[in-house]
Amino acid sequence: MRIEPEETYEIRNANRVDMARCGEILNDWIDETPWMPRVHSHEDVVRYHREFVYENRDVLVAETDDNEIHGFAATSTDAFVTGFYLATKARNKGLGQLMLERIKEENPAGLSLWTFVANSGAQNFYKRDGFKEVRRTDGDNEENLPDILFAWKPDGATA
């Protein structure tokens, strides 16, 4: 079932100015998620997005008519989604689906991504959209949390 976003969004390529807001959105998610350890300071997360993510990833942002950034998605050149987060007020309102459709359009051969085992909401979101579980780890990441690798291939594509 598709939910139409309550707001009107422009999904566009990020500019350097947007990246601080992207870091803030991730910081908010970390702060709101009880099982997620904070392994980097707020400042380091924002700096990382401004410097590394902007220079090394394809980043899309969802911007409202009021010029507010409500979400971002970062994808590497090999179609690996390295970050996909929405502002608290934009979650479960159709924006994630809208952004994922755009990411798929820009990566028609397929996508891969990791999500934490504890993040059942993300797992359900990706599974509903055709992502398949590829493998699990017991926490081979800097957060030391078990995670799952998911992959999506368009209909008719071979693995």
C-alpha atoms as a PDB file:
ATOM      1  CA  MET A   1       0.000   0.000   0.000  1.00  0.00           C
ATOM      2  CA  ARG A   2       1.385   3.369  -1.006  1.00  0.00           C
ATOM      3  CA  ILE A   3       0.975   6.359   1.296  1.00  0.00           C
ATOM      4  CA  GLU A   4       1.058   9.765  -0.347  1.00  0.00           C
ATOM      5  CA  PRO A   5       3.219  12.288   1.546  1.00  0.00           C
ATOM      6  CA  GLU A   6       1.260  14.922   3.444  1.00  0.00           C
ATOM      7  CA  GLU A   7       3.664  17.629   2.282  1.00  0.00           C
ATOM      8  CA  THR A   8       4.895  18.498  -1.174  1.00  0.00           C
ATOM      9  CA  TYR A   9       8.554  17.626  -1.596  1.00  0.00           C
ATOM     10  CA  GLU A  10      11.211  18.298  -4.146  1.00  0.00           C
ATOM     11  CA  ILE A  11      13.627  15.370  -4.259  1.00  0.00           C
ATOM     12  CA  ARG A  12      16.867  16.892  -5.514  1.00  0.00           C
ATOM     13  CA  ASN A  13      20.619  16.520  -5.420  1.00  0.00           C
ATOM     14  CA  ALA A  14      22.097  17.883  -2.226  1.00  0.00           C
ATOM     15  CA  ASN A  15      24.388  20.874  -2.127  1.00  0.00           C
ATOM     16  CA  ARG A  16      27.132  21.450   0.442  1.00  0.00           C
ATOM     17  CA  VAL A  17      24.881  23.681   2.573  1.00  0.00           C
ATOM     18  CA  ASP A  18      22.332  20.840   2.924  1.00  0.00           C
ATOM     19  CA  MET A  19      24.874  18.496   4.455  1.00  0.00           C
ATOM     20  CA  ALA A  20      24.800  20.000   7.951  1.00  0.00           C
ATOM     21  CA  ARG A  21      21.052  19.325   8.056  1.00  0.00           C
ATOM     22  CA  CYS A  22      21.660  15.758   6.869  1.00  0.00           C
ATOM     23  CA  GLY A  23      24.036  15.269   9.790  1.00  0.00           C
ATOM     24  CA  GLU A  24      21.446  16.743  12.166  1.00  0.00           C
ATOM     25  CA  ILE A  25      18.770  14.344  10.898  1.00  0.00           C
ATOM     26  CA  LEU A  26      21.082  11.393  11.572  1.00  0.00           C
ATOM     27  CA  ASN A  27      21.990  12.792  15.007  1.00  0.00           C
ATOM     28  CA  ASP A  28      18.296  13.108  15.883  1.00  0.00           C
ATOM     29  CA  TRP A  29      17.696   9.487  14.835  1.00  0.00           C
ATOM     30  CA  ILE A  30      20.606   8.266  16.976  1.00  0.00           C
ATOM     31  CA  ASP A  31      19.379  10.294  19.969  1.00  0.00           C
ATOM     32  CA  GLU A  32      15.809   8.953  19.575  1.00  0.00           C
ATOM     33  CA  THR A  33      16.809   5.303  19.133  1.00  0.00           C
ATOM     34  CA  PRO A  34      17.354   3.623  22.520  1.00  0.00           C
ATOM     35  CA  TRP A  35      19.350   0.661  21.188  1.00  0.00           C
ATOM     36  CA  MET A  36      21.685   2.760  19.022  1.00  0.00           C
ATOM     37  CA  PRO A  37      25.000   3.626  20.678  1.00  0.00           C
ATOM     38  CA  ARG A  38      26.538   7.018  19.985  1.00  0.00           C
ATOM     39  CA  VAL A  39      30.006   6.290  18.642  1.00  0.00           C
ATOM     40  CA  HIS A  40      30.690   9.792  17.247  1.00  0.00           C
ATOM     41  CA  SER A  41      29.925  13.216  18.700  1.00  0.00           C
ATOM     42  CA  HIS A  42      27.157  15.355  17.211  1.00  0.00           C
ATOM     43  CA  GLU A  43      29.806  17.667  15.781  1.00  0.00           C
ATOM     44  CA  ASP A  44      31.746  14.815  14.177  1.00  0.00           C
ATOM     45  CA  VAL A  45      28.595  13.457  12.506  1.00  0.00           C
ATOM     46  CA  VAL A  46      27.807  16.862  10.982  1.00  0.00           C
ATOM     47  CA  ARG A  47      31.441  17.373   9.916  1.00  0.00           C
ATOM     48  CA  TYR A  48      31.536  13.896   8.344  1.00  0.00           C
ATOM     49  CA  HIS A  49      28.452  14.671   6.267  1.00  0.00           C
ATOM     50  CA  ARG A  50      29.738  18.098   5.194  1.00  0.00           C
ATOM     51  CA  GLU A  51      33.179  16.839   4.257  1.00  0.00           C
ATOM     52  CA  PHE A  52      33.195  13.117   3.404  1.00  0.00           C
ATOM     53  CA  VAL A  53      29.627  12.249   2.433  1.00  0.00           C
ATOM     54  CA  TYR A  54      29.173  15.289   0.191  1.00  0.00           C
ATOM     55  CA  GLU A  55      32.454  14.647  -1.634  1.00  0.00           C
ATOM     56  CA  ASN A  56      32.146  10.853  -1.936  1.00  0.00           C
ATOM     57  CA  ARG A  57      28.460   9.961  -2.253  1.00  0.00           C
ATOM     58  CA  ASP A  58      25.486  10.792  -4.436  1.00  0.00           C
ATOM     59  CA  VAL A  59      23.173  12.512  -1.976  1.00  0.00           C
ATOM     60  CA  LEU A  60      19.489  13.236  -2.480  1.00  0.00           C
ATOM     61  CA  VAL A  61      17.487  15.436  -0.136  1.00  0.00           C
ATOM     62  CA  ALA A  62      13.757  15.917   0.295  1.00  0.00           C
ATOM     63  CA  GLU A  63      12.961  19.610   0.588  1.00  0.00           C
ATOM     64  CA  THR A  64       9.580  21.116   1.484  1.00  0.00           C
ATOM     65  CA  ASP A  65       8.008  24.178  -0.090  1.00  0.00           C
ATOM     66  CA  ASP A  66       9.270  26.030   3.007  1.00  0.00           C
ATOM     67  CA  ASN A  67      12.863  25.034   2.156  1.00  0.00           C
ATOM     68  CA  GLU A  68      13.145  22.559   5.040  1.00  0.00           C
ATOM     69  CA  ILE A  69      15.140  19.371   4.506  1.00  0.00           C
ATOM     70  CA  HIS A  70      13.088  16.441   5.852  1.00  0.00           C
ATOM     71  CA  GLY A  71      15.225  13.543   4.632  1.00  0.00           C
ATOM     72  CA  PHE A  72      18.317  12.413   2.818  1.00  0.00           C
ATOM     73  CA  ALA A  73      19.718   9.356   1.087  1.00  0.00           C
ATOM     74  CA  ALA A  74      23.387   8.781   0.289  1.00  0.00           C
ATOM     75  CA  THR A  75      24.458   6.221  -2.301  1.00  0.00           C
ATOM     76  CA  SER A  76      27.956   5.143  -3.310  1.00  0.00           C
ATOM     77  CA  THR A  77      29.028   4.788  -6.925  1.00  0.00           C
ATOM     78  CA  ASP A  78      28.477   1.013  -6.702  1.00  0.00           C
ATOM     79  CA  ALA A  79      24.753   1.440  -5.852  1.00  0.00           C
ATOM     80  CA  PHE A  80      25.202   0.882  -2.124  1.00  0.00           C
ATOM     81  CA  VAL A  81      22.884   2.966   0.062  1.00  0.00           C
ATOM     82  CA  THR A  82      25.163   4.218   2.835  1.00  0.00           C
ATOM     83  CA  GLY A  83      22.599   6.384   4.612  1.00  0.00           C
ATOM     84  CA  PHE A  84      18.835   6.890   4.397  1.00  0.00           C
ATOM     85  CA  TYR A  85      17.201   8.908   7.170  1.00  0.00           C
ATOM     86  CA  LEU A  86      14.101  11.040   7.599  1.00  0.00           C
ATOM     87  CA  ALA A  87      13.342  13.799  10.065  1.00  0.00           C
ATOM     88  CA  THR A  88      11.131  12.621  12.909  1.00  0.00           C
ATOM     89  CA  LYS A  89       8.108  14.598  11.704  1.00  0.00           C
ATOM     90  CA  ALA A  90       8.396  13.126   8.190  1.00  0.00           C
ATOM     91  CA  ARG A  91       8.459   9.428   9.104  1.00  0.00           C
ATOM     92  CA  ASN A  92       5.609   7.029   8.258  1.00  0.00           C
ATOM     93  CA  LYS A  93       3.997   9.575   5.941  1.00  0.00           C
ATOM     94  CA  GLY A  94       5.081   8.349   2.508  1.00  0.00           C
ATOM     95  CA  LEU A  95       8.301  10.332   2.114  1.00  0.00           C
ATOM     96  CA  GLY A  96      10.556   7.296   2.518  1.00  0.00           C
ATOM     97  CA  GLN A  97       8.723   5.513  -0.299  1.00  0.00           C
ATOM     98  CA  LEU A  98       8.953   8.587  -2.515  1.00  0.00           C
ATOM     99  CA  MET A  99      12.694   8.842  -1.920  1.00  0.00           C
ATOM    100  CA  LEU A 100      13.272   5.109  -2.395  1.00  0.00           C
ATOM    101  CA  GLU A 101      11.494   5.230  -5.762  1.00  0.00           C
ATOM    102  CA  ARG A 102      13.876   7.990  -6.849  1.00  0.00           C
ATOM    103  CA  ILE A 103      16.927   6.054  -5.615  1.00  0.00           C
ATOM    104  CA  LYS A 104      15.763   3.022  -7.599  1.00  0.00           C
ATOM    105  CA  GLU A 105      15.265   5.158 -10.720  1.00  0.00           C
ATOM    106  CA  GLU A 106      18.841   6.378 -10.407  1.00  0.00           C
ATOM    107  CA  ASN A 107      20.162   2.835  -9.815  1.00  0.00           C
ATOM    108  CA  PRO A 108      18.144   0.680 -12.240  1.00  0.00           C
ATOM    109  CA  ALA A 109      20.491  -2.330 -12.023  1.00  0.00           C
ATOM    110  CA  GLY A 110      19.826  -2.758  -8.300  1.00  0.00           C
ATOM    111  CA  LEU A 111      20.747  -1.580  -4.816  1.00  0.00           C
ATOM    112  CA  SER A 112      22.271  -2.955  -1.634  1.00  0.00           C
ATOM    113  CA  LEU A 113      22.201  -1.665   1.931  1.00  0.00           C
ATOM    114  CA  TRP A 114      22.745  -2.654   5.553  1.00  0.00           C
ATOM    115  CA  THR A 115      20.219  -2.230   8.328  1.00  0.00           C
ATOM    116  CA  PHE A 116      20.488  -3.181  11.971  1.00  0.00           C
ATOM    117  CA  VAL A 117      18.682  -6.301  13.193  1.00  0.00           C
ATOM    118  CA  ALA A 118      17.090  -4.160  15.916  1.00  0.00           C
ATOM    119  CA  ASN A 119      15.580  -1.842  13.273  1.00  0.00           C
ATOM    120  CA  SER A 120      12.523  -3.928  12.416  1.00  0.00           C
ATOM    121  CA  GLY A 121      10.747  -0.918  10.930  1.00  0.00           C
ATOM    122  CA  ALA A 122      13.478  -0.472   8.318  1.00  0.00           C
ATOM    123  CA  GLN A 123      13.520  -4.202   7.579  1.00  0.00           C
ATOM    124  CA  ASN A 124       9.763  -4.224   6.962  1.00  0.00           C
ATOM    125  CA  PHE A 125      10.007  -1.104   4.788  1.00  0.00           C
ATOM    126  CA  TYR A 126      12.672  -2.625   2.545  1.00  0.00           C
ATOM    127  CA  LYS A 127      11.024  -6.057   2.363  1.00  0.00           C
ATOM    128  CA  ARG A 128       7.725  -4.459   1.274  1.00  0.00           C
ATOM    129  CA  ASP A 129       9.635  -2.820  -1.539  1.00  0.00           C
ATOM    130  CA  GLY A 130      11.208  -6.005  -2.864  1.00  0.00           C
ATOM    131  CA  PHE A 131      14.515  -6.090  -1.006  1.00  0.00           C
ATOM    132  CA  LYS A 132      15.769  -9.560  -0.084  1.00  0.00           C
ATOM    133  CA  GLU A 133      17.962 -10.527   2.827  1.00  0.00           C
ATOM    134  CA  VAL A 134      21.438 -11.537   1.646  1.00  0.00           C
ATOM    135  CA  ARG A 135      23.275 -12.190   4.906  1.00  0.00           C
ATOM    136  CA  ARG A 136      23.537 -11.318   8.594  1.00  0.00           C
ATOM    137  CA  THR A 137      26.442 -10.428  10.843  1.00  0.00           C
ATOM    138  CA  ASP A 138      26.758 -10.570  14.598  1.00  0.00           C
ATOM    139  CA  GLY A 139      27.962  -6.980  14.834  1.00  0.00           C
ATOM    140  CA  ASP A 140      30.900  -6.560  12.487  1.00  0.00           C
ATOM    141  CA  ASN A 141      30.503  -2.770  12.435  1.00  0.00           C
ATOM    142  CA  GLU A 142      31.649   0.170  14.537  1.00  0.00           C
ATOM    143  CA  GLU A 143      28.429   0.086  16.573  1.00  0.00           C
ATOM    144  CA  ASN A 144      28.981  -3.619  17.385  1.00  0.00           C
ATOM    145  CA  LEU A 145      25.331  -4.319  16.550  1.00  0.00           C
ATOM    146  CA  PRO A 146      24.052  -7.279  14.526  1.00  0.00           C
ATOM    147  CA  ASP A 147      23.006  -6.208  11.049  1.00  0.00           C
ATOM    148  CA  ILE A 148      21.487  -7.487   7.818  1.00  0.00           C
ATOM    149  CA  LEU A 149      22.596  -6.948   4.246  1.00  0.00           C
ATOM    150  CA  PHE A 150      19.644  -6.419   1.885  1.00  0.00           C
ATOM    151  CA  ALA A 151      19.646  -6.255  -1.911  1.00  0.00           C
ATOM    152  CA  TRP A 152      17.090  -5.193  -4.492  1.00  0.00           C
ATOM    153  CA  LYS A 153      17.101  -6.168  -8.153  1.00  0.00           C
ATOM    154  CA  PRO A 154      14.451  -4.963 -10.597  1.00  0.00           C
ATOM    155  CA  ASP A 155      11.949  -7.481 -11.923  1.00  0.00           C
ATOM    156  CA  GLY A 156      13.605  -9.783 -14.404  1.00  0.00           C
ATOM    157  CA  ALA A 157      17.169  -8.957 -13.332  1.00  0.00           C
ATOM    158  CA  THR A 158      19.500 -11.769 -12.400  1.00  0.00           C
ATOM    159  CA  ALA A 159      21.526 -11.737  -9.203  1.00  0.00           C
END
